[in-house]
Protein backbone atom coordinates (compact mmCIF):
# COMPACT_ATOMS: atom_id res chain seq x y z
CA MET A 1 1.85 18.03 2.84
CA ALA A 2 1.64 14.34 3.58
CA ARG A 3 4.95 12.58 3.70
CA PRO A 4 5.53 9.84 1.14
CA SER A 5 5.01 6.27 2.25
CA ARG A 6 8.11 4.30 3.09
CA TYR A 7 6.40 1.16 1.80
CA PRO A 8 6.43 -0.04 -1.82
CA LEU A 9 3.27 0.88 -3.73
CA GLU A 10 2.11 -2.72 -4.10
CA LEU A 11 2.47 -3.57 -0.38
CA PRO A 12 -0.81 -2.00 0.83
CA ARG A 13 -2.80 -3.85 -1.86
CA ARG A 14 -1.06 -7.12 -1.10
CA ALA A 15 -1.55 -6.68 2.65
CA VAL A 16 -5.28 -5.91 2.25
CA ARG A 17 -5.71 -9.06 0.13
CA MET A 18 -3.88 -11.12 2.74
CA VAL A 19 -6.10 -9.78 5.54
CA ALA A 20 -9.19 -10.79 3.55
CA GLU A 21 -7.74 -14.28 3.05
CA VAL A 22 -6.80 -14.91 6.71
CA ARG A 23 -9.78 -13.28 8.45
CA GLY A 24 -11.61 -16.59 8.79
CA ASP A 25 -8.54 -18.31 10.27
CA HIS A 26 -8.39 -16.00 13.31
CA PRO A 27 -10.90 -15.37 16.13
CA THR A 28 -10.75 -11.56 15.80
CA GLU A 29 -9.90 -9.00 13.16
CA THR A 30 -7.07 -7.75 15.36
CA ALA A 31 -5.50 -11.23 15.39
CA ALA A 32 -5.78 -11.41 11.60
CA LEU A 33 -4.18 -7.97 11.24
CA GLN A 34 -1.38 -8.95 13.62
CA ALA A 35 -0.65 -12.11 11.64
CA VAL A 36 -0.32 -10.14 8.40
CA VAL A 37 1.76 -7.40 10.09
CA GLU A 38 4.23 -10.01 11.32
CA LYS A 39 4.35 -11.87 8.02
CA LEU A 40 4.95 -8.75 5.90
CA ASP A 41 7.04 -6.87 8.51
CA ILE A 42 4.78 -3.81 8.46
CA GLY A 43 5.47 -1.20 11.12
CA SER A 44 2.21 -1.45 13.04
CA ARG A 45 -1.23 -2.98 13.12
CA GLU A 46 -2.71 0.52 12.92
CA THR A 47 -1.01 1.13 9.57
CA LEU A 48 -2.55 -2.04 8.19
CA ARG A 49 -5.94 -1.19 9.72
CA ASN A 50 -5.84 2.19 7.91
CA TRP A 51 -4.99 0.48 4.61
CA VAL A 52 -7.93 -1.92 5.02
CA LYS A 53 -10.27 0.94 5.96
CA GLN A 54 -9.21 3.04 2.95
CA HIS A 55 -9.62 0.03 0.65
CA GLU A 56 -13.18 -0.48 1.95
CA ILE A 57 -13.97 3.21 1.42
CA ASP A 58 -12.56 3.18 -2.12
CA ALA A 59 -14.52 0.01 -2.90
CA GLY A 60 -17.77 1.59 -1.66
CA GLN A 61 -18.12 -0.91 1.20
CA ARG A 62 -17.80 1.76 3.87
CA PRO A 63 -18.86 5.42 3.98
CA GLY A 64 -16.06 7.95 3.79
CA THR A 65 -13.95 9.94 1.40
CA THR A 66 -12.20 8.10 -1.39
CA THR A 67 -8.51 8.70 -2.02
CA GLU A 68 -9.30 10.72 -5.15
CA GLU A 69 -11.88 12.88 -3.36
CA SER A 70 -9.45 13.40 -0.50
CA ALA A 71 -6.78 14.68 -2.91
CA GLN A 72 -9.31 17.03 -4.52
CA LEU A 73 -10.40 18.38 -1.12
CA LYS A 74 -6.78 18.95 -0.12
CA ALA A 75 -6.10 20.88 -3.34
CA LEU A 76 -9.23 23.01 -2.84
CA LYS A 77 -8.29 23.79 0.77
CA LYS A 78 -4.82 24.87 -0.34
CA GLU A 79 -6.28 27.07 -3.08
CA ASN A 80 -8.76 28.56 -0.61
CA ALA A 81 -5.95 29.41 1.83
CA GLU A 82 -3.97 31.08 -0.97
CA LEU A 83 -7.00 33.12 -2.01
CA LYS A 84 -7.65 34.22 1.58
CA ARG A 85 -4.03 35.35 1.89
CA ALA A 86 -4.25 37.28 -1.40
CA ASN A 87 -7.48 38.90 -0.19
CA GLU A 88 -5.75 40.03 3.04
CA ILE A 89 -2.93 41.58 1.00
CA LEU A 90 -5.42 43.40 -1.24
CA LYS A 91 -7.33 44.73 1.78
CA ALA A 92 -4.11 46.02 3.33
CA ALA A 93 -3.12 47.70 0.05
CA ALA A 94 -6.57 49.29 -0.30
CA SER A 95 -6.38 50.60 3.26
CA PHE A 96 -2.91 52.05 2.63
CA PHE A 97 -3.97 53.80 -0.58
CA ALA A 98 -7.15 55.13 1.03
CA ALA A 99 -5.04 56.61 3.83
CA GLU A 100 -2.67 58.15 1.28
CA LEU A 101 -5.58 59.80 -0.54
CA ASP A 102 -6.94 61.26 2.72
CA ARG A 103 -3.53 62.59 3.82
CA PRO A 104 -2.95 66.27 3.04
CA HIS A 105 -0.29 66.67 0.40
CA THR A 106 2.07 69.63 0.30
CA ARG A 107 3.89 70.89 -2.74
CA SER A 108 7.49 71.84 -2.42
């Protein structure tokens, strides 16, 4: 399970807006990201880069999986893993009972 963000919910949106505003003021995207990281005291440039990338995906500006689709995929993978585990348990039980039926029984 993903750990919860240590940043307030509004911070990623605000940071992405700020990057869009200052992009033209800096020679590279990295410089723009660094300026926003320093101004907002965000842990790393990579964190901000991920926020910008996810915003572009969610806005349809970049191919990828939206946040909502990602959550759905994660839930389906978890459900699939649970079903596989249940199937293994059922197979083991079926094997046990088949062996019990084949075993000679004696009456006392």
